[in-house]
Amino acid sequence: MPRNQFQRMVFALLTVVVTVHAYVFYSLYVINGGTLMEVTGQPGVLAAIRAQGGVLLCGKMAPIWAVVLVEFCLAYLLECVMGSPLSFRLACRVFAPGQTHPVLFETAVICATVGLMCPAMSFLAAFLYYPYYAGFHVVTLLANWLKLVCFNFPFAFFTQLFFIQPLIRAAFKVLSRKDIAARAA
């Protein structure tokens, strides 16, 4: 759908804004929510995060907004530099964009993006959320990374394919309808 570099950057921005919020919610509530409430004795996840002084980020407690901001910056940079360009090239290796049904080609791009971005962002998250207070060990980092990939990949695949990308594509069509109308005329 995006035709030029500016449109690609806007599309990536919209995607990352929705995706980062979804992953922070998923990570804090779904994966770690029970543990946070158990450790702090609080009845809810937000109360547990407040009770422990935030979320562990780079060995220090940080507020949730800081976690979202850090992940947003890293995800946007990674999406623009690696995710978008490489996923399109990977999809083009399998399908010819002009000769393949657009839904099939877009699905291939989404799958390639998830296949690239999930392990990359999980690796960055393994560094960001590493329990540095216990000392650093490469094997623990790799084990944490593998664990994050196993948790995140199914969530990433299904949310990107069935929720986030359809939502972003619909929003992008609304935002660029003048451009679409000008091309049609």
C-alpha atoms as a PDB file:
ATOM      1  CA  MET A   1       0.000   0.000   0.000  1.00  0.00           C
ATOM      2  CA  PRO A   2       2.640   2.646   0.836  1.00  0.00           C
ATOM      3  CA  ARG A   3       3.996   4.024  -2.447  1.00  0.00           C
ATOM      4  CA  ASN A   4       6.916   6.214  -1.375  1.00  0.00           C
ATOM      5  CA  GLN A   5       9.400   6.521   1.468  1.00  0.00           C
ATOM      6  CA  PHE A   6       7.308   9.029   3.434  1.00  0.00           C
ATOM      7  CA  GLN A   7       4.252   6.770   3.234  1.00  0.00           C
ATOM      8  CA  ARG A   8       6.356   3.787   4.340  1.00  0.00           C
ATOM      9  CA  MET A   9       7.574   5.749   7.367  1.00  0.00           C
ATOM     10  CA  VAL A  10       4.005   6.766   8.293  1.00  0.00           C
ATOM     11  CA  PHE A  11       2.793   3.184   7.816  1.00  0.00           C
ATOM     12  CA  ALA A  12       5.632   1.904  10.028  1.00  0.00           C
ATOM     13  CA  LEU A  13       4.850   4.579  12.623  1.00  0.00           C
ATOM     14  CA  LEU A  14       1.184   3.590  12.796  1.00  0.00           C
ATOM     15  CA  THR A  15       2.094  -0.093  12.997  1.00  0.00           C
ATOM     16  CA  VAL A  16       4.644   0.410  15.761  1.00  0.00           C
ATOM     17  CA  VAL A  17       2.348   2.644  17.842  1.00  0.00           C
ATOM     18  CA  VAL A  18      -0.324  -0.069  17.956  1.00  0.00           C
ATOM     19  CA  THR A  19       2.102  -2.977  18.211  1.00  0.00           C
ATOM     20  CA  VAL A  20       4.196  -1.640  21.108  1.00  0.00           C
ATOM     21  CA  HIS A  21       1.141  -0.945  23.221  1.00  0.00           C
ATOM     22  CA  ALA A  22      -0.201  -4.431  22.470  1.00  0.00           C
ATOM     23  CA  TYR A  23       3.111  -6.083  23.431  1.00  0.00           C
ATOM     24  CA  VAL A  24       3.582  -4.109  26.631  1.00  0.00           C
ATOM     25  CA  PHE A  25       0.048  -5.060  27.665  1.00  0.00           C
ATOM     26  CA  TYR A  26       0.654  -8.698  26.658  1.00  0.00           C
ATOM     27  CA  SER A  27       3.981  -8.874  28.476  1.00  0.00           C
ATOM     28  CA  LEU A  28       2.871  -7.177  31.686  1.00  0.00           C
ATOM     29  CA  TYR A  29      -0.651  -8.527  32.014  1.00  0.00           C
ATOM     30  CA  VAL A  30      -0.782 -11.878  30.237  1.00  0.00           C
ATOM     31  CA  ILE A  31       2.721 -13.279  30.709  1.00  0.00           C
ATOM     32  CA  ASN A  32       3.922 -11.635  33.929  1.00  0.00           C
ATOM     33  CA  GLY A  33       0.715 -10.357  35.566  1.00  0.00           C
ATOM     34  CA  GLY A  34       0.181 -13.349  37.856  1.00  0.00           C
ATOM     35  CA  THR A  35       3.780 -13.332  39.021  1.00  0.00           C
ATOM     36  CA  LEU A  36       3.741  -9.586  39.673  1.00  0.00           C
ATOM     37  CA  MET A  37       0.564  -9.861  41.772  1.00  0.00           C
ATOM     38  CA  GLU A  38       1.912 -12.899  43.641  1.00  0.00           C
ATOM     39  CA  VAL A  39       5.264 -11.295  44.465  1.00  0.00           C
ATOM     40  CA  THR A  40       3.779  -7.997  45.644  1.00  0.00           C
ATOM     41  CA  GLY A  41       0.569  -9.374  47.169  1.00  0.00           C
ATOM     42  CA  GLN A  42      -1.492  -6.843  45.229  1.00  0.00           C
ATOM     43  CA  PRO A  43      -4.951  -7.630  43.781  1.00  0.00           C
ATOM     44  CA  GLY A  44      -4.245  -6.151  40.319  1.00  0.00           C
ATOM     45  CA  VAL A  45      -1.379  -5.839  37.867  1.00  0.00           C
ATOM     46  CA  LEU A  46      -1.211  -2.022  37.881  1.00  0.00           C
ATOM     47  CA  ALA A  47      -1.246  -2.031  41.688  1.00  0.00           C
ATOM     48  CA  ALA A  48       1.554  -4.623  41.657  1.00  0.00           C
ATOM     49  CA  ILE A  49       3.646  -2.514  39.277  1.00  0.00           C
ATOM     50  CA  ARG A  50       3.084   0.572  41.448  1.00  0.00           C
ATOM     51  CA  ALA A  51       3.958  -1.415  44.597  1.00  0.00           C
ATOM     52  CA  GLN A  52       7.294  -2.553  43.190  1.00  0.00           C
ATOM     53  CA  GLY A  53       8.108   0.930  41.886  1.00  0.00           C
ATOM     54  CA  GLY A  54       7.693   0.277  38.158  1.00  0.00           C
ATOM     55  CA  VAL A  55       8.973  -2.269  35.681  1.00  0.00           C
ATOM     56  CA  LEU A  56      12.542  -3.565  35.691  1.00  0.00           C
ATOM     57  CA  LEU A  57      14.262  -1.955  32.695  1.00  0.00           C
ATOM     58  CA  CYS A  58      18.039  -2.153  32.260  1.00  0.00           C
ATOM     59  CA  GLY A  59      18.435  -3.166  35.887  1.00  0.00           C
ATOM     60  CA  LYS A  60      16.428  -0.209  37.266  1.00  0.00           C
ATOM     61  CA  MET A  61      12.754   0.309  37.988  1.00  0.00           C
ATOM     62  CA  ALA A  62      11.054   2.455  35.347  1.00  0.00           C
ATOM     63  CA  PRO A  63       7.461   3.637  34.889  1.00  0.00           C
ATOM     64  CA  ILE A  64       5.336   1.947  32.235  1.00  0.00           C
ATOM     65  CA  TRP A  65       5.436   5.038  29.992  1.00  0.00           C
ATOM     66  CA  ALA A  66       9.250   4.765  29.894  1.00  0.00           C
ATOM     67  CA  VAL A  67       9.001   1.109  28.874  1.00  0.00           C
ATOM     68  CA  VAL A  68       6.570   2.029  26.083  1.00  0.00           C
ATOM     69  CA  LEU A  69       8.809   4.889  24.918  1.00  0.00           C
ATOM     70  CA  VAL A  70      11.990   2.772  24.857  1.00  0.00           C
ATOM     71  CA  GLU A  71      10.279  -0.101  23.058  1.00  0.00           C
ATOM     72  CA  PHE A  72       8.636   2.308  20.615  1.00  0.00           C
ATOM     73  CA  CYS A  73      11.956   3.915  19.649  1.00  0.00           C
ATOM     74  CA  LEU A  74      13.700   0.567  19.221  1.00  0.00           C
ATOM     75  CA  ALA A  75      10.804  -1.025  17.322  1.00  0.00           C
ATOM     76  CA  TYR A  76      10.398   1.953  14.963  1.00  0.00           C
ATOM     77  CA  LEU A  77      14.109   2.039  14.198  1.00  0.00           C
ATOM     78  CA  LEU A  78      14.227  -1.721  13.642  1.00  0.00           C
ATOM     79  CA  GLU A  79      11.056  -1.671  11.504  1.00  0.00           C
ATOM     80  CA  CYS A  80      12.392   1.102   9.256  1.00  0.00           C
ATOM     81  CA  VAL A  81      15.911  -0.264   8.930  1.00  0.00           C
ATOM     82  CA  MET A  82      15.303  -4.018   8.820  1.00  0.00           C
ATOM     83  CA  GLY A  83      11.685  -5.167   9.098  1.00  0.00           C
ATOM     84  CA  SER A  84       9.977  -3.353   6.253  1.00  0.00           C
ATOM     85  CA  PRO A  85      12.681  -3.520   3.575  1.00  0.00           C
ATOM     86  CA  LEU A  86      13.716  -7.118   4.201  1.00  0.00           C
ATOM     87  CA  SER A  87      10.190  -8.481   4.586  1.00  0.00           C
ATOM     88  CA  PHE A  88       9.211  -6.996   1.222  1.00  0.00           C
ATOM     89  CA  ARG A  89      12.300  -8.528  -0.419  1.00  0.00           C
ATOM     90  CA  LEU A  90      11.579 -11.920   1.169  1.00  0.00           C
ATOM     91  CA  ALA A  91       7.975 -11.831  -0.042  1.00  0.00           C
ATOM     92  CA  CYS A  92       9.188 -10.875  -3.544  1.00  0.00           C
ATOM     93  CA  ARG A  93      11.447 -13.952  -3.592  1.00  0.00           C
ATOM     94  CA  VAL A  94       8.351 -16.144  -3.320  1.00  0.00           C
ATOM     95  CA  PHE A  95       5.664 -14.077  -5.085  1.00  0.00           C
ATOM     96  CA  ALA A  96       5.693 -11.552  -7.918  1.00  0.00           C
ATOM     97  CA  PRO A  97       3.927  -8.458  -6.514  1.00  0.00           C
ATOM     98  CA  GLY A  98       2.169  -7.532  -9.770  1.00  0.00           C
ATOM     99  CA  GLN A  99       1.068 -11.078 -10.577  1.00  0.00           C
ATOM    100  CA  THR A 100      -0.029 -12.217  -7.101  1.00  0.00           C
ATOM    101  CA  HIS A 101      -3.362 -11.421  -5.502  1.00  0.00           C
ATOM    102  CA  PRO A 102      -2.789  -8.429  -3.173  1.00  0.00           C
ATOM    103  CA  VAL A 103      -4.171 -10.222  -0.102  1.00  0.00           C
ATOM    104  CA  LEU A 104      -1.793 -13.141  -0.629  1.00  0.00           C
ATOM    105  CA  PHE A 105       1.186 -10.849  -1.172  1.00  0.00           C
ATOM    106  CA  GLU A 106       0.334  -8.698   1.869  1.00  0.00           C
ATOM    107  CA  THR A 107       0.009 -11.868   3.956  1.00  0.00           C
ATOM    108  CA  ALA A 108       3.462 -12.962   2.801  1.00  0.00           C
ATOM    109  CA  VAL A 109       4.901  -9.554   3.767  1.00  0.00           C
ATOM    110  CA  ILE A 110       3.226  -9.717   7.195  1.00  0.00           C
ATOM    111  CA  CYS A 111       4.544 -13.242   7.822  1.00  0.00           C
ATOM    112  CA  ALA A 112       8.047 -12.227   6.769  1.00  0.00           C
ATOM    113  CA  THR A 113       7.896  -9.141   9.000  1.00  0.00           C
ATOM    114  CA  VAL A 114       6.850 -11.227  12.008  1.00  0.00           C
ATOM    115  CA  GLY A 115       9.580 -13.756  11.217  1.00  0.00           C
ATOM    116  CA  LEU A 116      12.194 -10.999  11.263  1.00  0.00           C
ATOM    117  CA  MET A 117      10.914  -8.594  13.904  1.00  0.00           C
ATOM    118  CA  CYS A 118       9.832 -11.057  16.591  1.00  0.00           C
ATOM    119  CA  PRO A 119      13.271 -12.630  17.162  1.00  0.00           C
ATOM    120  CA  ALA A 120      15.006  -9.245  16.809  1.00  0.00           C
ATOM    121  CA  MET A 121      12.741  -7.405  19.261  1.00  0.00           C
ATOM    122  CA  SER A 122      12.769 -10.389  21.622  1.00  0.00           C
ATOM    123  CA  PHE A 123      16.562 -10.226  21.645  1.00  0.00           C
ATOM    124  CA  LEU A 124      16.470  -6.520  22.478  1.00  0.00           C
ATOM    125  CA  ALA A 125      13.882  -7.223  25.185  1.00  0.00           C
ATOM    126  CA  ALA A 126      16.105  -9.957  26.619  1.00  0.00           C
ATOM    127  CA  PHE A 127      18.766  -7.251  27.112  1.00  0.00           C
ATOM    128  CA  LEU A 128      16.345  -4.611  28.374  1.00  0.00           C
ATOM    129  CA  TYR A 129      14.624  -6.846  30.927  1.00  0.00           C
ATOM    130  CA  TYR A 130      17.604  -8.977  31.899  1.00  0.00           C
ATOM    131  CA  PRO A 131      17.860  -9.492  35.687  1.00  0.00           C
ATOM    132  CA  TYR A 132      21.174  -7.624  35.996  1.00  0.00           C
ATOM    133  CA  TYR A 133      20.922  -7.684  39.805  1.00  0.00           C
ATOM    134  CA  ALA A 134      21.776 -11.405  39.643  1.00  0.00           C
ATOM    135  CA  GLY A 135      24.887 -10.871  37.497  1.00  0.00           C
ATOM    136  CA  PHE A 136      25.223 -11.276  33.745  1.00  0.00           C
ATOM    137  CA  HIS A 137      25.681 -14.574  31.933  1.00  0.00           C
ATOM    138  CA  VAL A 138      25.402 -15.132  28.176  1.00  0.00           C
ATOM    139  CA  VAL A 139      23.626 -18.487  28.579  1.00  0.00           C
ATOM    140  CA  THR A 140      20.940 -16.834  30.737  1.00  0.00           C
ATOM    141  CA  LEU A 141      20.549 -14.085  28.130  1.00  0.00           C
ATOM    142  CA  LEU A 142      20.118 -16.663  25.349  1.00  0.00           C
ATOM    143  CA  ALA A 143      17.672 -18.700  27.450  1.00  0.00           C
ATOM    144  CA  ASN A 144      15.648 -15.541  28.175  1.00  0.00           C
ATOM    145  CA  TRP A 145      15.698 -14.670  24.466  1.00  0.00           C
ATOM    146  CA  LEU A 146      14.446 -18.126  23.463  1.00  0.00           C
ATOM    147  CA  LYS A 147      11.723 -17.932  26.115  1.00  0.00           C
ATOM    148  CA  LEU A 148      10.624 -14.522  24.823  1.00  0.00           C
ATOM    149  CA  VAL A 149      10.531 -15.745  21.219  1.00  0.00           C
ATOM    150  CA  CYS A 150       8.395 -18.728  22.265  1.00  0.00           C
ATOM    151  CA  PHE A 151       5.963 -16.443  24.125  1.00  0.00           C
ATOM    152  CA  ASN A 152       5.918 -13.642  21.566  1.00  0.00           C
ATOM    153  CA  PHE A 153       5.897 -15.421  18.211  1.00  0.00           C
ATOM    154  CA  PRO A 154       2.359 -16.880  18.350  1.00  0.00           C
ATOM    155  CA  PHE A 155       1.020 -13.590  19.727  1.00  0.00           C
ATOM    156  CA  ALA A 156       2.897 -11.595  17.071  1.00  0.00           C
ATOM    157  CA  PHE A 157       1.771 -13.818  14.215  1.00  0.00           C
ATOM    158  CA  PHE A 158      -1.918 -13.837  15.037  1.00  0.00           C
ATOM    159  CA  THR A 159      -2.243 -10.212  16.141  1.00  0.00           C
ATOM    160  CA  GLN A 160      -0.342  -8.881  13.125  1.00  0.00           C
ATOM    161  CA  LEU A 161      -2.157 -11.083  10.628  1.00  0.00           C
ATOM    162  CA  PHE A 162      -5.704 -10.751  11.943  1.00  0.00           C
ATOM    163  CA  PHE A 163      -5.854  -7.537  13.978  1.00  0.00           C
ATOM    164  CA  ILE A 164      -3.031  -5.008  13.775  1.00  0.00           C
ATOM    165  CA  GLN A 165      -2.231  -5.018  10.039  1.00  0.00           C
ATOM    166  CA  PRO A 166      -5.890  -4.974   8.901  1.00  0.00           C
ATOM    167  CA  LEU A 167      -6.505  -2.081  11.310  1.00  0.00           C
ATOM    168  CA  ILE A 168      -3.434  -0.159  10.131  1.00  0.00           C
ATOM    169  CA  ARG A 169      -4.207  -0.782   6.456  1.00  0.00           C
ATOM    170  CA  ALA A 170      -7.756   0.539   6.961  1.00  0.00           C
ATOM    171  CA  ALA A 171      -6.418   3.611   8.804  1.00  0.00           C
ATOM    172  CA  PHE A 172      -3.779   4.135   6.123  1.00  0.00           C
ATOM    173  CA  LYS A 173      -6.440   4.025   3.387  1.00  0.00           C
ATOM    174  CA  VAL A 174      -8.394   6.734   5.206  1.00  0.00           C
ATOM    175  CA  LEU A 175      -5.270   8.874   5.664  1.00  0.00           C
ATOM    176  CA  SER A 176      -4.173   8.528   2.039  1.00  0.00           C
ATOM    177  CA  ARG A 177      -7.557   8.611   0.272  1.00  0.00           C
ATOM    178  CA  LYS A 178      -6.670  11.884  -1.532  1.00  0.00           C
ATOM    179  CA  ASP A 179      -3.556  10.249  -2.955  1.00  0.00           C
ATOM    180  CA  ILE A 180      -5.601   7.204  -4.020  1.00  0.00           C
ATOM    181  CA  ALA A 181      -8.238   9.426  -5.658  1.00  0.00           C
ATOM    182  CA  ALA A 182      -5.553  11.413  -7.501  1.00  0.00           C
ATOM    183  CA  ARG A 183      -4.003   8.209  -8.895  1.00  0.00           C
ATOM    184  CA  ALA A 184      -7.417   6.918 -10.012  1.00  0.00           C
ATOM    185  CA  ALA A 185      -8.245  10.121 -11.928  1.00  0.00           C
END
